[in-house]
Amino acid sequence: MASLLECCRPARRQLQDPTRPLEMEVFGTNATKIVIRSIAAQAALVSDQSTRLAGRLVLAVRRSNCSEDAGDRRGLEFRVHAVQGLPPACKSEIRVARETNVGKLAGAIAQRIREDGVALVRGAGAVALKHQLSAVAIASGYLEERDELGGYELVALPRYEDLVDPSGGRGQMWTEFALTVYRLPVS
């Protein structure tokens, strides 16, 4: 499995040459978590530095067909874009857990995009992250079917935060992921 540093290298190259998106296919919950953490970490690192590089990395997510290496598993295809600026402000968030129904989550994301133009999806753990990303891919399909994207694609700006339980004596840690989902003009 790739380390965080190995995943960061292509993301950094993407920030240096934003003219073409970086494409990757990811299978497995933990692999997905590593890739998203590395993309978010690299984007945060670069945005903290004053450089000539583009400031944010966003993901266009699609559900992939089975590849020969993956057996019967379905993965996710990421197209990573370097963008300038921030997405629109979000009014409220959608919480995700490991038990969340991905289809209903996708419908909620699509509805927020229709109404507000942006959706904030937040959850803790690798399984919740995989649900979030799968739901973004499905929501994109919902909006495309109804021709509601019109020259745009649905992208997610990933962020994460490592948290520690303040009340526990054992100091449990977990990672909370947030995706800001919005429309990005197709270039």
N, C-alpha and C. Protein backbone atom coordinates (compact mmCIF):
# COMPACT_ATOMS: atom_id res chain seq x y z
N MET A 1 0.84 -1.17 0.00
CA MET A 1 0.00 0.00 0.00
C MET A 1 0.88 1.24 0.00
N ALA A 2 0.45 2.26 -0.73
CA ALA A 2 1.24 3.48 -0.87
C ALA A 2 1.25 4.27 0.43
N SER A 3 2.38 4.89 0.68
CA SER A 3 2.49 5.74 1.86
C SER A 3 1.90 7.11 1.55
N LEU A 4 1.71 7.90 2.59
CA LEU A 4 1.18 9.24 2.43
C LEU A 4 2.11 10.08 1.56
N LEU A 5 3.41 9.95 1.75
CA LEU A 5 4.37 10.71 0.97
C LEU A 5 4.32 10.32 -0.51
N GLU A 6 4.20 9.03 -0.80
CA GLU A 6 4.14 8.58 -2.19
C GLU A 6 2.90 9.12 -2.89
N CYS A 7 1.77 9.23 -2.17
CA CYS A 7 0.55 9.78 -2.76
C CYS A 7 0.65 11.29 -2.95
N CYS A 8 1.46 11.97 -2.15
CA CYS A 8 1.58 13.43 -2.23
C CYS A 8 2.33 13.88 -3.48
N ARG A 9 3.28 13.10 -3.95
CA ARG A 9 4.10 13.52 -5.08
C ARG A 9 3.26 13.85 -6.32
N PRO A 10 2.35 12.96 -6.75
CA PRO A 10 1.54 13.32 -7.92
C PRO A 10 0.64 14.53 -7.64
N ALA A 11 0.16 14.67 -6.41
CA ALA A 11 -0.69 15.81 -6.08
C ALA A 11 0.11 17.11 -6.19
N ARG A 12 1.35 17.09 -5.75
CA ARG A 12 2.19 18.30 -5.85
C ARG A 12 2.47 18.62 -7.32
N ARG A 13 2.73 17.60 -8.13
CA ARG A 13 2.93 17.83 -9.56
C ARG A 13 1.67 18.44 -10.18
N GLN A 14 0.50 17.99 -9.70
CA GLN A 14 -0.76 18.52 -10.22
C GLN A 14 -0.87 20.02 -9.92
N LEU A 15 -0.44 20.43 -8.75
CA LEU A 15 -0.49 21.85 -8.41
C LEU A 15 0.47 22.65 -9.27
N GLN A 16 1.59 22.05 -9.68
CA GLN A 16 2.55 22.75 -10.51
C GLN A 16 2.11 22.85 -11.96
N ASP A 17 1.33 21.89 -12.45
CA ASP A 17 0.83 21.91 -13.82
C ASP A 17 -0.68 21.68 -13.78
N PRO A 18 -1.46 22.73 -13.53
CA PRO A 18 -2.90 22.55 -13.38
C PRO A 18 -3.66 22.41 -14.70
N THR A 19 -2.95 22.37 -15.84
CA THR A 19 -3.64 22.33 -17.13
C THR A 19 -4.31 21.00 -17.42
N ARG A 20 -3.83 19.93 -16.84
CA ARG A 20 -4.48 18.64 -17.08
C ARG A 20 -4.68 17.93 -15.75
N PRO A 21 -5.84 17.34 -15.59
CA PRO A 21 -6.14 16.68 -14.31
C PRO A 21 -5.33 15.40 -14.11
N LEU A 22 -5.07 15.11 -12.87
CA LEU A 22 -4.43 13.86 -12.46
C LEU A 22 -5.54 12.83 -12.29
N GLU A 23 -5.41 11.68 -12.91
CA GLU A 23 -6.44 10.65 -12.81
C GLU A 23 -5.89 9.44 -12.09
N MET A 24 -6.73 8.86 -11.21
CA MET A 24 -6.34 7.66 -10.48
C MET A 24 -7.57 6.84 -10.16
N GLU A 25 -7.37 5.56 -9.99
CA GLU A 25 -8.43 4.63 -9.63
C GLU A 25 -8.04 4.00 -8.30
N VAL A 26 -8.97 3.99 -7.34
CA VAL A 26 -8.66 3.52 -6.00
C VAL A 26 -9.66 2.44 -5.60
N PHE A 27 -9.14 1.35 -5.05
CA PHE A 27 -9.97 0.25 -4.55
C PHE A 27 -9.68 0.07 -3.07
N GLY A 28 -10.71 -0.07 -2.28
CA GLY A 28 -10.54 -0.34 -0.86
C GLY A 28 -10.70 0.89 0.00
N THR A 29 -11.26 0.67 1.17
CA THR A 29 -11.57 1.75 2.09
C THR A 29 -10.31 2.43 2.62
N ASN A 30 -9.35 1.68 3.07
CA ASN A 30 -8.13 2.28 3.62
C ASN A 30 -7.30 2.96 2.55
N ALA A 31 -7.25 2.39 1.36
CA ALA A 31 -6.52 3.04 0.26
C ALA A 31 -7.17 4.37 -0.09
N THR A 32 -8.50 4.40 -0.08
CA THR A 32 -9.22 5.64 -0.35
C THR A 32 -8.87 6.69 0.69
N LYS A 33 -8.84 6.28 1.96
CA LYS A 33 -8.51 7.20 3.05
C LYS A 33 -7.11 7.77 2.87
N ILE A 34 -6.15 6.95 2.52
CA ILE A 34 -4.77 7.40 2.33
C ILE A 34 -4.68 8.41 1.19
N VAL A 35 -5.35 8.12 0.09
CA VAL A 35 -5.30 9.03 -1.06
C VAL A 35 -5.93 10.37 -0.71
N ILE A 36 -7.09 10.36 -0.07
CA ILE A 36 -7.77 11.61 0.27
C ILE A 36 -6.96 12.41 1.28
N ARG A 37 -6.40 11.74 2.28
CA ARG A 37 -5.55 12.45 3.26
C ARG A 37 -4.36 13.09 2.58
N SER A 38 -3.75 12.38 1.63
CA SER A 38 -2.56 12.92 0.97
C SER A 38 -2.92 14.10 0.09
N ILE A 39 -4.03 14.03 -0.62
CA ILE A 39 -4.46 15.15 -1.46
C ILE A 39 -4.78 16.37 -0.60
N ALA A 40 -5.54 16.17 0.46
CA ALA A 40 -5.90 17.27 1.35
C ALA A 40 -4.66 17.85 2.04
N ALA A 41 -3.75 16.99 2.46
CA ALA A 41 -2.53 17.46 3.13
C ALA A 41 -1.65 18.25 2.18
N GLN A 42 -1.50 17.78 0.96
CA GLN A 42 -0.68 18.48 -0.01
C GLN A 42 -1.28 19.83 -0.36
N ALA A 43 -2.58 19.89 -0.55
CA ALA A 43 -3.24 21.15 -0.86
C ALA A 43 -3.10 22.13 0.31
N ALA A 44 -3.25 21.64 1.54
CA ALA A 44 -3.11 22.50 2.72
C ALA A 44 -1.68 23.01 2.85
N LEU A 45 -0.71 22.14 2.60
CA LEU A 45 0.69 22.52 2.68
C LEU A 45 1.00 23.64 1.69
N VAL A 46 0.53 23.48 0.47
CA VAL A 46 0.82 24.46 -0.57
C VAL A 46 0.08 25.77 -0.31
N SER A 47 -1.16 25.70 0.17
CA SER A 47 -1.91 26.94 0.42
C SER A 47 -1.32 27.72 1.59
N ASP A 48 -0.59 27.05 2.50
CA ASP A 48 0.06 27.74 3.61
C ASP A 48 1.34 28.45 3.17
N GLN A 49 1.90 28.04 2.07
CA GLN A 49 3.14 28.64 1.56
C GLN A 49 2.78 29.68 0.50
N SER A 50 3.54 30.72 0.41
CA SER A 50 3.30 31.68 -0.66
C SER A 50 4.16 31.26 -1.85
N THR A 51 3.55 30.54 -2.76
CA THR A 51 4.26 30.05 -3.94
C THR A 51 3.48 30.41 -5.19
N ARG A 52 4.01 30.07 -6.32
CA ARG A 52 3.34 30.33 -7.59
C ARG A 52 2.37 29.21 -7.95
N LEU A 53 2.22 28.22 -7.09
CA LEU A 53 1.38 27.08 -7.39
C LEU A 53 -0.09 27.40 -7.19
N ALA A 54 -0.94 26.70 -7.93
CA ALA A 54 -2.39 26.85 -7.73
C ALA A 54 -2.74 26.41 -6.32
N GLY A 55 -3.81 26.96 -5.75
CA GLY A 55 -4.04 26.82 -4.33
C GLY A 55 -4.86 25.65 -3.83
N ARG A 56 -5.73 25.03 -4.59
CA ARG A 56 -6.62 24.00 -4.06
C ARG A 56 -6.69 22.81 -5.00
N LEU A 57 -6.84 21.64 -4.40
CA LEU A 57 -7.06 20.43 -5.18
C LEU A 57 -8.48 19.94 -4.93
N VAL A 58 -9.24 19.76 -5.99
CA VAL A 58 -10.59 19.24 -5.87
C VAL A 58 -10.69 17.95 -6.66
N LEU A 59 -11.66 17.11 -6.29
CA LEU A 59 -11.84 15.80 -6.91
C LEU A 59 -13.15 15.72 -7.66
N ALA A 60 -13.09 15.25 -8.87
CA ALA A 60 -14.29 14.79 -9.56
C ALA A 60 -14.29 13.28 -9.36
N VAL A 61 -15.39 12.74 -8.85
CA VAL A 61 -15.44 11.33 -8.45
C VAL A 61 -16.41 10.58 -9.34
N ARG A 62 -15.99 9.41 -9.78
CA ARG A 62 -16.85 8.49 -10.53
C ARG A 62 -16.70 7.11 -9.94
N ARG A 63 -17.74 6.31 -10.02
CA ARG A 63 -17.62 4.91 -9.62
C ARG A 63 -17.00 4.17 -10.80
N SER A 64 -16.00 3.35 -10.53
CA SER A 64 -15.31 2.66 -11.62
C SER A 64 -15.92 1.29 -11.87
N ASN A 65 -15.69 0.82 -13.06
CA ASN A 65 -16.04 -0.56 -13.38
C ASN A 65 -14.94 -1.45 -12.83
N CYS A 66 -15.23 -2.70 -12.72
CA CYS A 66 -14.23 -3.63 -12.18
C CYS A 66 -13.02 -3.70 -13.10
N SER A 67 -11.85 -3.64 -12.50
CA SER A 67 -10.64 -3.86 -13.29
C SER A 67 -10.18 -5.29 -13.05
N GLU A 68 -9.26 -5.74 -13.86
CA GLU A 68 -8.79 -7.12 -13.73
C GLU A 68 -8.12 -7.36 -12.39
N ASP A 69 -7.41 -6.36 -11.88
CA ASP A 69 -6.70 -6.52 -10.61
C ASP A 69 -7.63 -6.52 -9.40
N ALA A 70 -8.82 -5.94 -9.53
CA ALA A 70 -9.69 -5.75 -8.37
C ALA A 70 -10.67 -6.89 -8.16
N GLY A 71 -10.74 -7.82 -9.07
CA GLY A 71 -11.72 -8.90 -8.91
C GLY A 71 -13.12 -8.35 -9.11
N ASP A 72 -14.01 -8.64 -8.17
CA ASP A 72 -15.40 -8.19 -8.29
C ASP A 72 -15.65 -6.84 -7.61
N ARG A 73 -14.65 -6.26 -7.00
CA ARG A 73 -14.86 -5.02 -6.27
C ARG A 73 -15.01 -3.83 -7.21
N ARG A 74 -15.85 -2.89 -6.80
CA ARG A 74 -15.97 -1.62 -7.51
C ARG A 74 -15.14 -0.59 -6.77
N GLY A 75 -14.43 0.18 -7.50
CA GLY A 75 -13.61 1.22 -6.90
C GLY A 75 -14.14 2.59 -7.24
N LEU A 76 -13.32 3.57 -7.00
CA LEU A 76 -13.65 4.95 -7.32
C LEU A 76 -12.57 5.51 -8.23
N GLU A 77 -12.99 6.28 -9.21
CA GLU A 77 -12.07 6.99 -10.09
C GLU A 77 -12.03 8.44 -9.65
N PHE A 78 -10.84 8.96 -9.43
CA PHE A 78 -10.66 10.35 -9.05
C PHE A 78 -10.00 11.08 -10.20
N ARG A 79 -10.52 12.25 -10.50
CA ARG A 79 -9.86 13.18 -11.41
C ARG A 79 -9.58 14.42 -10.56
N VAL A 80 -8.30 14.68 -10.30
CA VAL A 80 -7.89 15.74 -9.40
C VAL A 80 -7.57 16.99 -10.22
N HIS A 81 -8.24 18.09 -9.87
CA HIS A 81 -8.05 19.37 -10.55
C HIS A 81 -7.41 20.35 -9.58
N ALA A 82 -6.51 21.18 -10.07
CA ALA A 82 -5.99 22.30 -9.29
C ALA A 82 -6.84 23.51 -9.64
N VAL A 83 -7.38 24.18 -8.63
CA VAL A 83 -8.25 25.33 -8.85
C VAL A 83 -7.83 26.49 -7.96
N GLN A 84 -8.21 27.67 -8.36
CA GLN A 84 -8.00 28.88 -7.56
C GLN A 84 -9.31 29.20 -6.86
N GLY A 85 -9.25 29.85 -5.73
CA GLY A 85 -10.45 30.32 -5.06
C GLY A 85 -11.12 29.26 -4.21
N LEU A 86 -12.20 29.70 -3.57
CA LEU A 86 -12.95 28.84 -2.66
C LEU A 86 -14.33 28.55 -3.22
N PRO A 87 -14.92 27.42 -2.78
CA PRO A 87 -16.31 27.16 -3.17
C PRO A 87 -17.24 28.11 -2.43
N PRO A 88 -18.50 28.19 -2.85
CA PRO A 88 -19.44 29.05 -2.13
C PRO A 88 -19.63 28.58 -0.69
N ALA A 89 -20.09 29.49 0.17
CA ALA A 89 -20.33 29.14 1.57
C ALA A 89 -21.51 28.18 1.68
N CYS A 90 -21.45 27.32 2.67
CA CYS A 90 -22.47 26.29 2.86
C CYS A 90 -23.31 26.64 4.09
N LYS A 91 -24.64 26.45 3.98
CA LYS A 91 -25.55 26.81 5.07
C LYS A 91 -25.56 25.78 6.19
N SER A 92 -25.52 24.51 5.83
CA SER A 92 -25.58 23.45 6.85
C SER A 92 -24.83 22.23 6.33
N GLU A 93 -24.63 21.25 7.21
CA GLU A 93 -23.86 20.06 6.83
C GLU A 93 -24.73 18.82 6.87
N ILE A 94 -24.28 17.83 6.14
CA ILE A 94 -24.90 16.50 6.14
C ILE A 94 -23.92 15.58 6.87
N ARG A 95 -24.37 14.95 7.93
CA ARG A 95 -23.52 14.04 8.72
C ARG A 95 -23.62 12.62 8.14
N VAL A 96 -22.49 11.92 8.13
CA VAL A 96 -22.41 10.57 7.58
C VAL A 96 -21.81 9.64 8.62
N ALA A 97 -22.36 8.42 8.71
CA ALA A 97 -21.83 7.38 9.59
C ALA A 97 -21.58 6.13 8.75
N ARG A 98 -20.99 5.15 9.35
CA ARG A 98 -20.71 3.91 8.61
C ARG A 98 -21.98 3.20 8.21
N GLU A 99 -23.10 3.45 8.89
CA GLU A 99 -24.37 2.82 8.57
C GLU A 99 -25.22 3.61 7.59
N THR A 100 -24.74 4.76 7.14
CA THR A 100 -25.51 5.63 6.25
C THR A 100 -25.82 4.93 4.93
N ASN A 101 -27.07 5.09 4.48
CA ASN A 101 -27.50 4.59 3.18
C ASN A 101 -26.92 5.51 2.10
N VAL A 102 -26.06 4.97 1.26
CA VAL A 102 -25.34 5.78 0.27
C VAL A 102 -26.29 6.39 -0.76
N GLY A 103 -27.32 5.67 -1.16
CA GLY A 103 -28.28 6.19 -2.13
C GLY A 103 -29.04 7.39 -1.58
N LYS A 104 -29.47 7.31 -0.32
CA LYS A 104 -30.16 8.44 0.31
C LYS A 104 -29.22 9.62 0.50
N LEU A 105 -27.98 9.34 0.85
CA LEU A 105 -26.99 10.40 0.99
C LEU A 105 -26.77 11.09 -0.35
N ALA A 106 -26.69 10.33 -1.43
CA ALA A 106 -26.51 10.90 -2.76
C ALA A 106 -27.69 11.80 -3.12
N GLY A 107 -28.91 11.36 -2.79
CA GLY A 107 -30.09 12.19 -3.04
C GLY A 107 -30.05 13.49 -2.26
N ALA A 108 -29.59 13.43 -1.01
CA ALA A 108 -29.48 14.63 -0.18
C ALA A 108 -28.44 15.60 -0.75
N ILE A 109 -27.32 15.05 -1.21
CA ILE A 109 -26.29 15.90 -1.81
C ILE A 109 -26.83 16.57 -3.08
N ALA A 110 -27.47 15.80 -3.94
CA ALA A 110 -28.03 16.35 -5.18
C ALA A 110 -29.05 17.45 -4.88
N GLN A 111 -29.87 17.24 -3.87
CA GLN A 111 -30.88 18.24 -3.50
C GLN A 111 -30.22 19.53 -3.01
N ARG A 112 -29.18 19.39 -2.17
CA ARG A 112 -28.47 20.60 -1.69
C ARG A 112 -27.81 21.34 -2.85
N ILE A 113 -27.27 20.60 -3.81
CA ILE A 113 -26.65 21.24 -4.98
C ILE A 113 -27.71 22.00 -5.76
N ARG A 114 -28.87 21.39 -5.97
CA ARG A 114 -29.96 22.06 -6.69
C ARG A 114 -30.39 23.35 -5.97
N GLU A 115 -30.56 23.27 -4.66
CA GLU A 115 -31.09 24.39 -3.89
C GLU A 115 -30.05 25.46 -3.58
N ASP A 116 -28.88 25.05 -3.11
CA ASP A 116 -27.89 26.00 -2.61
C ASP A 116 -26.64 26.11 -3.47
N GLY A 117 -26.43 25.15 -4.37
CA GLY A 117 -25.22 25.15 -5.18
C GLY A 117 -24.01 24.53 -4.50
N VAL A 118 -24.16 24.13 -3.23
CA VAL A 118 -23.05 23.57 -2.46
C VAL A 118 -23.61 22.66 -1.38
N ALA A 119 -22.84 21.63 -1.04
CA ALA A 119 -23.21 20.72 0.06
C ALA A 119 -21.95 20.42 0.85
N LEU A 120 -22.07 20.45 2.18
CA LEU A 120 -20.98 20.06 3.06
C LEU A 120 -21.33 18.72 3.67
N VAL A 121 -20.47 17.73 3.43
CA VAL A 121 -20.71 16.37 3.89
C VAL A 121 -19.58 16.02 4.85
N ARG A 122 -19.93 15.58 6.06
CA ARG A 122 -18.92 15.36 7.10
C ARG A 122 -19.17 14.01 7.78
N GLY A 123 -18.07 13.30 8.06
CA GLY A 123 -18.17 12.03 8.76
C GLY A 123 -16.81 11.60 9.30
N ALA A 124 -16.84 10.69 10.26
CA ALA A 124 -15.61 10.22 10.89
C ALA A 124 -15.30 8.80 10.46
N GLY A 125 -14.06 8.55 10.08
CA GLY A 125 -13.61 7.21 9.76
C GLY A 125 -13.55 6.93 8.27
N ALA A 126 -12.84 5.86 7.95
CA ALA A 126 -12.60 5.48 6.56
C ALA A 126 -13.87 5.02 5.85
N VAL A 127 -14.73 4.30 6.55
CA VAL A 127 -15.96 3.79 5.93
C VAL A 127 -16.89 4.97 5.60
N ALA A 128 -17.02 5.91 6.52
CA ALA A 128 -17.85 7.09 6.26
C ALA A 128 -17.29 7.89 5.08
N LEU A 129 -15.96 7.99 4.98
CA LEU A 129 -15.35 8.68 3.85
C LEU A 129 -15.69 7.98 2.54
N LYS A 130 -15.59 6.67 2.52
CA LYS A 130 -15.93 5.93 1.30
C LYS A 130 -17.40 6.16 0.92
N HIS A 131 -18.29 6.19 1.93
CA HIS A 131 -19.70 6.49 1.67
C HIS A 131 -19.86 7.90 1.09
N GLN A 132 -19.13 8.86 1.66
CA GLN A 132 -19.20 10.23 1.17
C GLN A 132 -18.81 10.31 -0.31
N LEU A 133 -17.69 9.70 -0.65
CA LEU A 133 -17.20 9.77 -2.02
C LEU A 133 -18.10 9.02 -2.99
N SER A 134 -18.59 7.85 -2.59
CA SER A 134 -19.52 7.11 -3.44
C SER A 134 -20.79 7.91 -3.67
N ALA A 135 -21.27 8.57 -2.62
CA ALA A 135 -22.48 9.38 -2.74
C ALA A 135 -22.27 10.57 -3.67
N VAL A 136 -21.09 11.17 -3.64
CA VAL A 136 -20.80 12.28 -4.56
C VAL A 136 -20.84 11.78 -6.00
N ALA A 137 -20.27 10.60 -6.25
CA ALA A 137 -20.28 10.02 -7.60
C ALA A 137 -21.72 9.74 -8.05
N ILE A 138 -22.53 9.19 -7.16
CA ILE A 138 -23.92 8.88 -7.51
C ILE A 138 -24.71 10.18 -7.70
N ALA A 139 -24.51 11.16 -6.83
CA ALA A 139 -25.21 12.45 -6.96
C ALA A 139 -24.87 13.12 -8.29
N SER A 140 -23.62 13.02 -8.70
CA SER A 140 -23.22 13.56 -9.99
C SER A 140 -24.01 12.90 -11.11
N GLY A 141 -24.17 11.58 -11.00
CA GLY A 141 -24.98 10.86 -11.99
C GLY A 141 -26.43 11.30 -11.98
N TYR A 142 -27.00 11.51 -10.79
CA TYR A 142 -28.38 12.00 -10.69
C TYR A 142 -28.53 13.34 -11.40
N LEU A 143 -27.60 14.24 -11.14
CA LEU A 143 -27.69 15.58 -11.74
C LEU A 143 -27.44 15.54 -13.24
N GLU A 144 -26.55 14.67 -13.69
CA GLU A 144 -26.30 14.53 -15.13
C GLU A 144 -27.52 13.96 -15.85
N GLU A 145 -28.17 12.96 -15.24
CA GLU A 145 -29.36 12.36 -15.85
C GLU A 145 -30.44 13.39 -16.11
N ARG A 146 -30.59 14.34 -15.21
CA ARG A 146 -31.62 15.37 -15.34
C ARG A 146 -31.09 16.62 -16.03
N ASP A 147 -29.89 16.54 -16.58
CA ASP A 147 -29.24 17.64 -17.29
C ASP A 147 -29.19 18.90 -16.43
N GLU A 148 -28.84 18.74 -15.15
CA GLU A 148 -28.79 19.86 -14.22
C GLU A 148 -27.37 20.37 -13.96
N LEU A 149 -26.38 19.78 -14.62
CA LEU A 149 -25.01 20.26 -14.45
C LEU A 149 -24.63 21.27 -15.53
N GLY A 150 -25.16 21.13 -16.72
CA GLY A 150 -25.00 22.08 -17.81
C GLY A 150 -23.66 22.80 -17.90
N GLY A 151 -22.62 22.15 -18.37
CA GLY A 151 -21.31 22.76 -18.53
C GLY A 151 -20.46 22.75 -17.27
N TYR A 152 -20.95 22.09 -16.24
CA TYR A 152 -20.23 21.98 -14.98
C TYR A 152 -20.03 20.52 -14.63
N GLU A 153 -19.11 20.25 -13.73
CA GLU A 153 -19.00 18.92 -13.15
C GLU A 153 -19.04 19.06 -11.64
N LEU A 154 -19.48 18.01 -10.98
CA LEU A 154 -19.56 18.02 -9.53
C LEU A 154 -18.20 17.63 -8.96
N VAL A 155 -17.65 18.47 -8.10
CA VAL A 155 -16.35 18.22 -7.50
C VAL A 155 -16.45 18.32 -5.98
N ALA A 156 -15.47 17.75 -5.31
CA ALA A 156 -15.41 17.79 -3.85
C ALA A 156 -14.06 18.32 -3.42
N LEU A 157 -14.09 19.28 -2.50
CA LEU A 157 -12.89 19.81 -1.88
C LEU A 157 -12.70 19.07 -0.56
N PRO A 158 -11.70 18.18 -0.46
CA PRO A 158 -11.54 17.38 0.77
C PRO A 158 -10.74 18.10 1.85
N ARG A 159 -11.15 17.87 3.09
CA ARG A 159 -10.41 18.32 4.26
C ARG A 159 -10.50 17.23 5.31
N TYR A 160 -9.56 17.22 6.22
CA TYR A 160 -9.63 16.26 7.32
C TYR A 160 -9.04 16.88 8.57
N GLU A 161 -9.44 16.29 9.69
CA GLU A 161 -8.93 16.74 10.98
C GLU A 161 -8.79 15.52 11.88
N ASP A 162 -7.61 15.36 12.48
CA ASP A 162 -7.40 14.28 13.44
C ASP A 162 -7.86 14.78 14.81
N LEU A 163 -8.76 14.03 15.43
CA LEU A 163 -9.35 14.43 16.71
C LEU A 163 -9.02 13.43 17.80
N VAL A 164 -8.98 13.91 19.03
CA VAL A 164 -8.74 13.07 20.20
C VAL A 164 -9.92 13.25 21.14
N ASP A 165 -10.40 12.15 21.68
CA ASP A 165 -11.51 12.18 22.64
C ASP A 165 -11.02 12.87 23.92
N PRO A 166 -11.57 14.05 24.26
CA PRO A 166 -11.07 14.78 25.42
C PRO A 166 -11.49 14.16 26.76
N SER A 167 -12.55 13.36 26.77
CA SER A 167 -13.04 12.81 28.03
C SER A 167 -12.44 11.45 28.37
N GLY A 168 -11.93 10.76 27.38
CA GLY A 168 -11.46 9.39 27.60
C GLY A 168 -10.09 9.33 28.23
N GLY A 169 -9.90 8.35 29.07
CA GLY A 169 -8.60 8.12 29.69
C GLY A 169 -7.64 7.46 28.72
N ARG A 170 -8.19 6.78 27.70
CA ARG A 170 -7.34 6.05 26.76
C ARG A 170 -6.88 6.93 25.60
N GLY A 171 -7.44 8.14 25.49
CA GLY A 171 -7.02 9.05 24.43
C GLY A 171 -7.33 8.53 23.04
N GLN A 172 -8.56 8.10 22.81
CA GLN A 172 -8.93 7.59 21.49
C GLN A 172 -8.80 8.68 20.45
N MET A 173 -8.29 8.29 19.27
CA MET A 173 -8.13 9.21 18.15
C MET A 173 -8.97 8.73 16.98
N TRP A 174 -9.44 9.67 16.19
CA TRP A 174 -10.13 9.34 14.96
C TRP A 174 -9.94 10.49 13.98
N THR A 175 -10.24 10.23 12.73
CA THR A 175 -10.11 11.24 11.69
C THR A 175 -11.49 11.60 11.18
N GLU A 176 -11.78 12.89 11.15
CA GLU A 176 -13.05 13.37 10.60
C GLU A 176 -12.77 13.99 9.23
N PHE A 177 -13.53 13.56 8.24
CA PHE A 177 -13.37 14.05 6.88
C PHE A 177 -14.55 14.94 6.53
N ALA A 178 -14.27 16.02 5.82
CA ALA A 178 -15.32 16.91 5.32
C ALA A 178 -15.09 17.11 3.83
N LEU A 179 -16.16 16.98 3.06
CA LEU A 179 -16.12 17.25 1.64
C LEU A 179 -17.07 18.40 1.35
N THR A 180 -16.55 19.46 0.75
CA THR A 180 -17.40 20.53 0.27
C THR A 180 -17.64 20.23 -1.20
N VAL A 181 -18.89 19.94 -1.54
CA VAL A 181 -19.27 19.50 -2.87
C VAL A 181 -19.91 20.68 -3.60
N TYR A 182 -19.44 20.96 -4.81
CA TYR A 182 -19.99 22.08 -5.58
C TYR A 182 -19.76 21.85 -7.06
N ARG A 183 -20.33 22.76 -7.88
CA ARG A 183 -20.17 22.69 -9.32
C ARG A 183 -18.91 23.46 -9.73
N LEU A 184 -18.15 22.87 -10.65
CA LEU A 184 -16.96 23.50 -11.20
C LEU A 184 -17.12 23.53 -12.71
N PRO A 185 -16.88 24.68 -13.35
CA PRO A 185 -17.00 24.73 -14.82
C PRO A 185 -16.04 23.72 -15.47
N VAL A 186 -16.55 23.02 -16.48
CA VAL A 186 -15.72 22.06 -17.21
C VAL A 186 -14.77 22.86 -18.08
N SER A 187 -13.48 22.51 -17.97
CA SER A 187 -12.48 23.26 -18.76
C SER A 187 -12.09 22.52 -20.01
